[in-house]
Amino acid sequence: MKTGTLTIRLDKNLDDLLTKASRQSGKNRSEIAREALRRQLRISQFDALRRRAMPFAEARGYLTDEDVFVDIS
């Protein structure tokens, strides 16, 4: 598997939070950063898909998440 390297600068507060999360979870800082980046990128993908789908959903009367839940439950 080919891997890449990313170097980022963290402010003191974020660095402290990352270190604390690493200690508490038993994962190294890189693992936590990769998981957070992966999660954020998936959220961004979901949001983009949602924005593309919303006009079609609204045209069919789905204006809120609750509207969808009512029909699927």
C-alpha atoms as a PDB file:
ATOM      1  CA  MET A   1       0.000   0.000   0.000  1.00  0.00           C
ATOM      2  CA  LYS A   2       1.370   3.362  -0.991  1.00  0.00           C
ATOM      3  CA  THR A   3       1.184   6.009   1.720  1.00  0.00           C
ATOM      4  CA  GLY A   4       1.557   9.752   1.802  1.00  0.00           C
ATOM      5  CA  THR A   5       2.778  12.125   4.440  1.00  0.00           C
ATOM      6  CA  LEU A   6       1.045  15.243   5.659  1.00  0.00           C
ATOM      7  CA  THR A   7       2.630  17.798   7.951  1.00  0.00           C
ATOM      8  CA  ILE A   8       0.344  20.210   9.759  1.00  0.00           C
ATOM      9  CA  ARG A   9       0.864  22.866  12.376  1.00  0.00           C
ATOM     10  CA  LEU A  10      -1.299  22.711  15.481  1.00  0.00           C
ATOM     11  CA  ASP A  11      -1.946  25.512  17.896  1.00  0.00           C
ATOM     12  CA  LYS A  12      -1.194  24.740  21.547  1.00  0.00           C
ATOM     13  CA  ASN A  13      -4.826  24.019  22.430  1.00  0.00           C
ATOM     14  CA  LEU A  14      -5.349  21.546  19.586  1.00  0.00           C
ATOM     15  CA  ASP A  15      -1.985  19.919  20.278  1.00  0.00           C
ATOM     16  CA  ASP A  16      -2.952  19.468  23.943  1.00  0.00           C
ATOM     17  CA  LEU A  17      -6.344  18.006  22.976  1.00  0.00           C
ATOM     18  CA  LEU A  18      -4.689  15.585  20.570  1.00  0.00           C
ATOM     19  CA  THR A  19      -2.175  14.486  23.182  1.00  0.00           C
ATOM     20  CA  LYS A  20      -4.917  13.971  25.771  1.00  0.00           C
ATOM     21  CA  ALA A  21      -7.028  11.968  23.308  1.00  0.00           C
ATOM     22  CA  SER A  22      -3.990   9.845  22.481  1.00  0.00           C
ATOM     23  CA  ARG A  23      -3.333   9.052  26.130  1.00  0.00           C
ATOM     24  CA  GLN A  24      -6.984   8.269  26.846  1.00  0.00           C
ATOM     25  CA  SER A  25      -7.521   6.061  23.811  1.00  0.00           C
ATOM     26  CA  GLY A  26      -4.179   4.311  23.689  1.00  0.00           C
ATOM     27  CA  LYS A  27      -3.882   5.279  20.023  1.00  0.00           C
ATOM     28  CA  ASN A  28      -1.003   7.305  18.703  1.00  0.00           C
ATOM     29  CA  ARG A  29      -1.507  10.882  17.569  1.00  0.00           C
ATOM     30  CA  SER A  30      -1.277   9.941  13.882  1.00  0.00           C
ATOM     31  CA  GLU A  31      -4.042   7.352  14.215  1.00  0.00           C
ATOM     32  CA  ILE A  32      -6.327   9.885  15.856  1.00  0.00           C
ATOM     33  CA  ALA A  33      -5.543  12.517  13.235  1.00  0.00           C
ATOM     34  CA  ARG A  34      -6.178  10.021  10.395  1.00  0.00           C
ATOM     35  CA  GLU A  35      -9.501   8.962  11.921  1.00  0.00           C
ATOM     36  CA  ALA A  36     -10.579  12.577  12.399  1.00  0.00           C
ATOM     37  CA  LEU A  37      -9.585  13.487   8.844  1.00  0.00           C
ATOM     38  CA  ARG A  38     -11.336  10.410   7.438  1.00  0.00           C
ATOM     39  CA  ARG A  39     -14.502  11.236   9.411  1.00  0.00           C
ATOM     40  CA  GLN A  40     -14.477  14.872   8.316  1.00  0.00           C
ATOM     41  CA  LEU A  41     -13.969  13.967   4.669  1.00  0.00           C
ATOM     42  CA  ARG A  42     -16.877  11.496   4.822  1.00  0.00           C
ATOM     43  CA  ILE A  43     -19.068  14.176   6.403  1.00  0.00           C
ATOM     44  CA  SER A  44     -18.093  16.564   3.609  1.00  0.00           C
ATOM     45  CA  GLN A  45     -18.974  13.924   0.998  1.00  0.00           C
ATOM     46  CA  PHE A  46     -22.322  13.295   2.671  1.00  0.00           C
ATOM     47  CA  ASP A  47     -23.099  17.019   2.804  1.00  0.00           C
ATOM     48  CA  ALA A  48     -22.261  17.401  -0.894  1.00  0.00           C
ATOM     49  CA  LEU A  49     -24.511  14.480  -1.823  1.00  0.00           C
ATOM     50  CA  ARG A  50     -27.263  15.853   0.372  1.00  0.00           C
ATOM     51  CA  ARG A  51     -27.048  19.274  -1.315  1.00  0.00           C
ATOM     52  CA  ARG A  52     -27.320  17.599  -4.731  1.00  0.00           C
ATOM     53  CA  ALA A  53     -30.308  15.483  -3.670  1.00  0.00           C
ATOM     54  CA  MET A  54     -32.256  18.183  -1.814  1.00  0.00           C
ATOM     55  CA  PRO A  55     -33.948  19.765  -4.851  1.00  0.00           C
ATOM     56  CA  PHE A  56     -35.303  16.334  -5.855  1.00  0.00           C
ATOM     57  CA  ALA A  57     -36.445  15.563  -2.306  1.00  0.00           C
ATOM     58  CA  GLU A  58     -38.094  18.968  -1.887  1.00  0.00           C
ATOM     59  CA  ALA A  59     -39.944  18.486  -5.188  1.00  0.00           C
ATOM     60  CA  ARG A  60     -41.478  15.348  -3.660  1.00  0.00           C
ATOM     61  CA  GLY A  61     -42.405  17.050  -0.390  1.00  0.00           C
ATOM     62  CA  TYR A  62     -39.434  16.009   1.763  1.00  0.00           C
ATOM     63  CA  LEU A  63     -38.413  19.200   3.496  1.00  0.00           C
ATOM     64  CA  THR A  64     -36.909  17.831   6.730  1.00  0.00           C
ATOM     65  CA  ASP A  65     -35.246  14.658   7.973  1.00  0.00           C
ATOM     66  CA  GLU A  66     -38.437  13.959   9.911  1.00  0.00           C
ATOM     67  CA  ASP A  67     -40.398  13.864   6.642  1.00  0.00           C
ATOM     68  CA  VAL A  68     -38.113  11.077   5.454  1.00  0.00           C
ATOM     69  CA  PHE A  69     -38.276   9.180   8.756  1.00  0.00           C
ATOM     70  CA  VAL A  70     -42.072   9.192   8.693  1.00  0.00           C
ATOM     71  CA  ASP A  71     -42.107   7.487   5.293  1.00  0.00           C
ATOM     72  CA  ILE A  72     -39.417   4.903   6.026  1.00  0.00           C
ATOM     73  CA  SER A  73     -40.598   3.826   9.473  1.00  0.00           C
END
